[in-house]
Amino acid sequence: MGVLKMGTVALDGTKIHANASRHSALSYEHAGKIEEQLKAEVADLMPKPKRGYGKCSRRHVDPR
């Protein structure tokens, strides 16, 4: 069995006050619904390429 070698570990004692609420928390199911809605919105906002766009863009690429 090998020995795990660790580097320096330092704790600074910072205390952070958590502000979590049952009412503001998202359930996994609700987060999934929001994700799907955002993906649909992004897909609608992204411009759709025109037919033959790939061929035209390759012609103007700098061959360096």
PDB file of N, CA and C in Angstrom:
ATOM      1  N   MET A   1       0.847  -1.167   0.000  1.00  0.00           N
ATOM      2  CA  MET A   1       0.000   0.000   0.000  1.00  0.00           C
ATOM      3  C   MET A   1       0.897   1.236   0.000  1.00  0.00           C
ATOM      4  N   GLY A   2       0.596   2.195  -0.905  1.00  0.00           N
ATOM      5  CA  GLY A   2       1.401   3.411  -1.030  1.00  0.00           C
ATOM      6  C   GLY A   2       1.010   4.455  -0.001  1.00  0.00           C
ATOM      7  N   VAL A   3       1.884   5.404   0.194  1.00  0.00           N
ATOM      8  CA  VAL A   3       1.626   6.491   1.132  1.00  0.00           C
ATOM      9  C   VAL A   3       1.292   7.744   0.329  1.00  0.00           C
ATOM     10  N   LEU A   4       0.241   8.408   0.706  1.00  0.00           N
ATOM     11  CA  LEU A   4      -0.159   9.643   0.038  1.00  0.00           C
ATOM     12  C   LEU A   4       0.648  10.796   0.597  1.00  0.00           C
ATOM     13  N   LYS A   5       1.293  11.534  -0.273  1.00  0.00           N
ATOM     14  CA  LYS A   5       2.118  12.659   0.152  1.00  0.00           C
ATOM     15  C   LYS A   5       1.360  13.943  -0.169  1.00  0.00           C
ATOM     16  N   MET A   6       1.142  14.781   0.827  1.00  0.00           N
ATOM     17  CA  MET A   6       0.383  16.008   0.640  1.00  0.00           C
ATOM     18  C   MET A   6       1.314  17.201   0.735  1.00  0.00           C
ATOM     19  N   GLY A   7       0.925  18.292   0.070  1.00  0.00           N
ATOM     20  CA  GLY A   7       1.659  19.545   0.162  1.00  0.00           C
ATOM     21  C   GLY A   7       1.149  20.335   1.356  1.00  0.00           C
ATOM     22  N   THR A   8       1.300  21.636   1.299  1.00  0.00           N
ATOM     23  CA  THR A   8       0.884  22.502   2.383  1.00  0.00           C
ATOM     24  C   THR A   8      -0.622  22.716   2.359  1.00  0.00           C
ATOM     25  N   VAL A   9      -1.252  22.591   3.501  1.00  0.00           N
ATOM     26  CA  VAL A   9      -2.675  22.861   3.640  1.00  0.00           C
ATOM     27  C   VAL A   9      -2.811  23.967   4.669  1.00  0.00           C
ATOM     28  N   ALA A  10      -3.511  25.056   4.300  1.00  0.00           N
ATOM     29  CA  ALA A  10      -3.644  26.190   5.216  1.00  0.00           C
ATOM     30  C   ALA A  10      -5.110  26.577   5.340  1.00  0.00           C
ATOM     31  N   LEU A  11      -5.531  26.896   6.546  1.00  0.00           N
ATOM     32  CA  LEU A  11      -6.887  27.369   6.797  1.00  0.00           C
ATOM     33  C   LEU A  11      -6.783  28.774   7.365  1.00  0.00           C
ATOM     34  N   ASP A  12      -7.606  29.691   6.861  1.00  0.00           N
ATOM     35  CA  ASP A  12      -7.504  31.064   7.338  1.00  0.00           C
ATOM     36  C   ASP A  12      -8.600  31.428   8.337  1.00  0.00           C
ATOM     37  N   GLY A  13      -9.547  30.564   8.586  1.00  0.00           N
ATOM     38  CA  GLY A  13     -10.576  30.825   9.588  1.00  0.00           C
ATOM     39  C   GLY A  13     -11.684  31.751   9.131  1.00  0.00           C
ATOM     40  N   THR A  14     -11.816  31.966   7.823  1.00  0.00           N
ATOM     41  CA  THR A  14     -12.865  32.842   7.309  1.00  0.00           C
ATOM     42  C   THR A  14     -14.229  32.225   7.576  1.00  0.00           C
ATOM     43  N   LYS A  15     -15.137  33.029   8.086  1.00  0.00           N
ATOM     44  CA  LYS A  15     -16.507  32.568   8.329  1.00  0.00           C
ATOM     45  C   LYS A  15     -17.423  33.238   7.309  1.00  0.00           C
ATOM     46  N   ILE A  16     -18.192  32.430   6.620  1.00  0.00           N
ATOM     47  CA  ILE A  16     -19.114  32.931   5.605  1.00  0.00           C
ATOM     48  C   ILE A  16     -20.524  32.584   6.044  1.00  0.00           C
ATOM     49  N   HIS A  17     -21.380  33.594   6.105  1.00  0.00           N
ATOM     50  CA  HIS A  17     -22.763  33.385   6.512  1.00  0.00           C
ATOM     51  C   HIS A  17     -23.563  32.892   5.305  1.00  0.00           C
ATOM     52  N   ALA A  18     -24.177  31.754   5.417  1.00  0.00           N
ATOM     53  CA  ALA A  18     -24.983  31.196   4.335  1.00  0.00           C
ATOM     54  C   ALA A  18     -26.375  31.805   4.374  1.00  0.00           C
ATOM     55  N   ASN A  19     -26.922  32.044   3.193  1.00  0.00           N
ATOM     56  CA  ASN A  19     -28.254  32.612   3.096  1.00  0.00           C
ATOM     57  C   ASN A  19     -29.099  31.731   2.187  1.00  0.00           C
ATOM     58  N   ALA A  20     -29.316  30.502   2.591  1.00  0.00           N
ATOM     59  CA  ALA A  20     -30.092  29.566   1.806  1.00  0.00           C
ATOM     60  C   ALA A  20     -31.521  29.517   2.328  1.00  0.00           C
ATOM     61  N   SER A  21     -32.434  29.351   1.412  1.00  0.00           N
ATOM     62  CA  SER A  21     -33.841  29.320   1.780  1.00  0.00           C
ATOM     63  C   SER A  21     -34.530  28.177   1.031  1.00  0.00           C
ATOM     64  N   ARG A  22     -35.464  27.534   1.680  1.00  0.00           N
ATOM     65  CA  ARG A  22     -36.221  26.490   1.002  1.00  0.00           C
ATOM     66  C   ARG A  22     -37.053  27.083  -0.127  1.00  0.00           C
ATOM     67  N   HIS A  23     -37.444  28.340   0.011  1.00  0.00           N
ATOM     68  CA  HIS A  23     -38.307  28.967  -0.980  1.00  0.00           C
ATOM     69  C   HIS A  23     -37.529  29.433  -2.209  1.00  0.00           C
ATOM     70  N   SER A  24     -36.258  29.751  -2.036  1.00  0.00           N
ATOM     71  CA  SER A  24     -35.472  30.228  -3.168  1.00  0.00           C
ATOM     72  C   SER A  24     -34.644  29.123  -3.813  1.00  0.00           C
ATOM     73  N   ALA A  25     -34.596  27.963  -3.205  1.00  0.00           N
ATOM     74  CA  ALA A  25     -33.811  26.862  -3.750  1.00  0.00           C
ATOM     75  C   ALA A  25     -34.558  26.216  -4.923  1.00  0.00           C
ATOM     76  N   LEU A  26     -33.797  25.692  -5.892  1.00  0.00           N
ATOM     77  CA  LEU A  26     -34.374  25.011  -7.048  1.00  0.00           C
ATOM     78  C   LEU A  26     -34.340  23.504  -6.830  1.00  0.00           C
ATOM     79  N   SER A  27     -35.406  22.863  -7.213  1.00  0.00           N
ATOM     80  CA  SER A  27     -35.374  21.402  -7.207  1.00  0.00           C
ATOM     81  C   SER A  27     -34.652  20.947  -8.474  1.00  0.00           C
ATOM     82  N   TYR A  28     -34.165  19.737  -8.480  1.00  0.00           N
ATOM     83  CA  TYR A  28     -33.464  19.195  -9.640  1.00  0.00           C
ATOM     84  C   TYR A  28     -34.397  19.178 -10.844  1.00  0.00           C
ATOM     85  N   GLU A  29     -35.645  18.824 -10.629  1.00  0.00           N
ATOM     86  CA  GLU A  29     -36.638  18.756 -11.708  1.00  0.00           C
ATOM     87  C   GLU A  29     -36.889  20.145 -12.306  1.00  0.00           C
ATOM     88  N   HIS A  30     -37.061  21.140 -11.437  1.00  0.00           N
ATOM     89  CA  HIS A  30     -37.330  22.495 -11.911  1.00  0.00           C
ATOM     90  C   HIS A  30     -36.108  23.072 -12.640  1.00  0.00           C
ATOM     91  N   ALA A  31     -34.919  22.768 -12.151  1.00  0.00           N
ATOM     92  CA  ALA A  31     -33.694  23.225 -12.816  1.00  0.00           C
ATOM     93  C   ALA A  31     -33.604  22.627 -14.219  1.00  0.00           C
ATOM     94  N   GLY A  32     -34.009  21.376 -14.378  1.00  0.00           N
ATOM     95  CA  GLY A  32     -34.010  20.738 -15.695  1.00  0.00           C
ATOM     96  C   GLY A  32     -34.975  21.418 -16.650  1.00  0.00           C
ATOM     97  N   LYS A  33     -36.148  21.820 -16.132  1.00  0.00           N
ATOM     98  CA  LYS A  33     -37.129  22.518 -16.973  1.00  0.00           C
ATOM     99  C   LYS A  33     -36.589  23.866 -17.425  1.00  0.00           C
ATOM    100  N   ILE A  34     -35.953  24.588 -16.506  1.00  0.00           N
ATOM    101  CA  ILE A  34     -35.386  25.887 -16.845  1.00  0.00           C
ATOM    102  C   ILE A  34     -34.271  25.725 -17.877  1.00  0.00           C
ATOM    103  N   GLU A  35     -33.451  24.690 -17.716  1.00  0.00           N
ATOM    104  CA  GLU A  35     -32.365  24.440 -18.661  1.00  0.00           C
ATOM    105  C   GLU A  35     -32.907  24.196 -20.061  1.00  0.00           C
ATOM    106  N   GLU A  36     -33.950  23.384 -20.188  1.00  0.00           N
ATOM    107  CA  GLU A  36     -34.547  23.108 -21.491  1.00  0.00           C
ATOM    108  C   GLU A  36     -35.132  24.376 -22.105  1.00  0.00           C
ATOM    109  N   GLN A  37     -35.763  25.213 -21.280  1.00  0.00           N
ATOM    110  CA  GLN A  37     -36.339  26.461 -21.767  1.00  0.00           C
ATOM    111  C   GLN A  37     -35.232  27.386 -22.288  1.00  0.00           C
ATOM    112  N   LEU A  38     -34.129  27.484 -21.552  1.00  0.00           N
ATOM    113  CA  LEU A  38     -33.027  28.334 -21.979  1.00  0.00           C
ATOM    114  C   LEU A  38     -32.373  27.809 -23.251  1.00  0.00           C
ATOM    115  N   LYS A  39     -32.241  26.501 -23.382  1.00  0.00           N
ATOM    116  CA  LYS A  39     -31.673  25.928 -24.602  1.00  0.00           C
ATOM    117  C   LYS A  39     -32.544  26.258 -25.803  1.00  0.00           C
ATOM    118  N   ALA A  40     -33.876  26.193 -25.632  1.00  0.00           N
ATOM    119  CA  ALA A  40     -34.793  26.525 -26.719  1.00  0.00           C
ATOM    120  C   ALA A  40     -34.676  27.999 -27.094  1.00  0.00           C
ATOM    121  N   GLU A  41     -34.560  28.882 -26.104  1.00  0.00           N
ATOM    122  CA  GLU A  41     -34.421  30.309 -26.379  1.00  0.00           C
ATOM    123  C   GLU A  41     -33.121  30.597 -27.121  1.00  0.00           C
ATOM    124  N   VAL A  42     -32.021  29.958 -26.717  1.00  0.00           N
ATOM    125  CA  VAL A  42     -30.735  30.160 -27.377  1.00  0.00           C
ATOM    126  C   VAL A  42     -30.807  29.655 -28.814  1.00  0.00           C
ATOM    127  N   ALA A  43     -31.438  28.514 -29.023  1.00  0.00           N
ATOM    128  CA  ALA A  43     -31.559  27.964 -30.376  1.00  0.00           C
ATOM    129  C   ALA A  43     -32.347  28.910 -31.277  1.00  0.00           C
ATOM    130  N   ASP A  44     -33.365  29.567 -30.732  1.00  0.00           N
ATOM    131  CA  ASP A  44     -34.145  30.519 -31.523  1.00  0.00           C
ATOM    132  C   ASP A  44     -33.345  31.776 -31.840  1.00  0.00           C
ATOM    133  N   LEU A  45     -32.464  32.187 -30.944  1.00  0.00           N
ATOM    134  CA  LEU A  45     -31.694  33.409 -31.143  1.00  0.00           C
ATOM    135  C   LEU A  45     -30.491  33.220 -32.064  1.00  0.00           C
ATOM    136  N   MET A  46     -29.988  32.006 -32.143  1.00  0.00           N
ATOM    137  CA  MET A  46     -28.816  31.744 -32.982  1.00  0.00           C
ATOM    138  C   MET A  46     -29.229  31.782 -34.453  1.00  0.00           C
ATOM    139  N   PRO A  47     -28.449  32.463 -35.283  1.00  0.00           N
ATOM    140  CA  PRO A  47     -28.793  32.511 -36.709  1.00  0.00           C
ATOM    141  C   PRO A  47     -28.584  31.144 -37.353  1.00  0.00           C
ATOM    142  N   LYS A  48     -29.506  30.783 -38.196  1.00  0.00           N
ATOM    143  CA  LYS A  48     -29.412  29.513 -38.907  1.00  0.00           C
ATOM    144  C   LYS A  48     -28.562  29.731 -40.174  1.00  0.00           C
ATOM    145  N   PRO A  49     -27.585  28.872 -40.442  1.00  0.00           N
ATOM    146  CA  PRO A  49     -26.759  29.051 -41.641  1.00  0.00           C
ATOM    147  C   PRO A  49     -27.578  28.787 -42.902  1.00  0.00           C
ATOM    148  N   LYS A  50     -27.265  29.537 -43.949  1.00  0.00           N
ATOM    149  CA  LYS A  50     -27.947  29.352 -45.218  1.00  0.00           C
ATOM    150  C   LYS A  50     -27.355  28.149 -45.931  1.00  0.00           C
ATOM    151  N   ARG A  51     -28.081  27.620 -46.876  1.00  0.00           N
ATOM    152  CA  ARG A  51     -27.622  26.477 -47.652  1.00  0.00           C
ATOM    153  C   ARG A  51     -26.366  26.865 -48.425  1.00  0.00           C
ATOM    154  N   GLY A  52     -25.342  26.047 -48.386  1.00  0.00           N
ATOM    155  CA  GLY A  52     -24.103  26.303 -49.095  1.00  0.00           C
ATOM    156  C   GLY A  52     -23.164  27.242 -48.361  1.00  0.00           C
ATOM    157  N   TYR A  53     -23.495  27.627 -47.150  1.00  0.00           N
ATOM    158  CA  TYR A  53     -22.670  28.571 -46.396  1.00  0.00           C
ATOM    159  C   TYR A  53     -21.273  28.008 -46.144  1.00  0.00           C
ATOM    160  N   GLY A  54     -21.165  26.715 -45.847  1.00  0.00           N
ATOM    161  CA  GLY A  54     -19.877  26.099 -45.553  1.00  0.00           C
ATOM    162  C   GLY A  54     -18.919  26.162 -46.732  1.00  0.00           C
ATOM    163  N   LYS A  55     -19.425  25.945 -47.947  1.00  0.00           N
ATOM    164  CA  LYS A  55     -18.578  25.975 -49.133  1.00  0.00           C
ATOM    165  C   LYS A  55     -18.048  27.384 -49.384  1.00  0.00           C
ATOM    166  N   CYS A  56     -18.879  28.378 -49.219  1.00  0.00           N
ATOM    167  CA  CYS A  56     -18.493  29.758 -49.470  1.00  0.00           C
ATOM    168  C   CYS A  56     -17.432  30.205 -48.468  1.00  0.00           C
ATOM    169  N   SER A  57     -17.581  29.852 -47.222  1.00  0.00           N
ATOM    170  CA  SER A  57     -16.645  30.321 -46.202  1.00  0.00           C
ATOM    171  C   SER A  57     -15.274  29.692 -46.364  1.00  0.00           C
ATOM    172  N   ARG A  58     -15.195  28.473 -46.859  1.00  0.00           N
ATOM    173  CA  ARG A  58     -13.901  27.811 -47.058  1.00  0.00           C
ATOM    174  C   ARG A  58     -13.094  28.503 -48.157  1.00  0.00           C
ATOM    175  N   ARG A  59     -13.769  29.072 -49.128  1.00  0.00           N
ATOM    176  CA  ARG A  59     -13.098  29.708 -50.249  1.00  0.00           C
ATOM    177  C   ARG A  59     -12.345  30.967 -49.793  1.00  0.00           C
ATOM    178  N   HIS A  60     -12.830  31.632 -48.740  1.00  0.00           N
ATOM    179  CA  HIS A  60     -12.245  32.888 -48.298  1.00  0.00           C
ATOM    180  C   HIS A  60     -11.323  32.741 -47.088  1.00  0.00           C
ATOM    181  N   VAL A  61     -10.933  31.537 -46.741  1.00  0.00           N
ATOM    182  CA  VAL A  61     -10.054  31.313 -45.595  1.00  0.00           C
ATOM    183  C   VAL A  61      -8.617  31.575 -46.003  1.00  0.00           C
ATOM    184  N   ASP A  62      -7.873  32.280 -45.184  1.00  0.00           N
ATOM    185  CA  ASP A  62      -6.484  32.554 -45.437  1.00  0.00           C
ATOM    186  C   ASP A  62      -5.679  31.260 -45.253  1.00  0.00           C
ATOM    187  N   PRO A  63      -4.945  30.792 -46.282  1.00  0.00           N
ATOM    188  CA  PRO A  63      -4.274  29.476 -46.217  1.00  0.00           C
ATOM    189  C   PRO A  63      -2.979  29.459 -45.421  1.00  0.00           C
ATOM    190  N   ARG A  64      -2.675  30.493 -44.654  1.00  0.00           N
ATOM    191  CA  ARG A  64      -1.413  30.521 -43.899  1.00  0.00           C
ATOM    192  C   ARG A  64      -1.272  29.365 -43.031  1.00  0.00           C
TER     193      ARG A  64
END
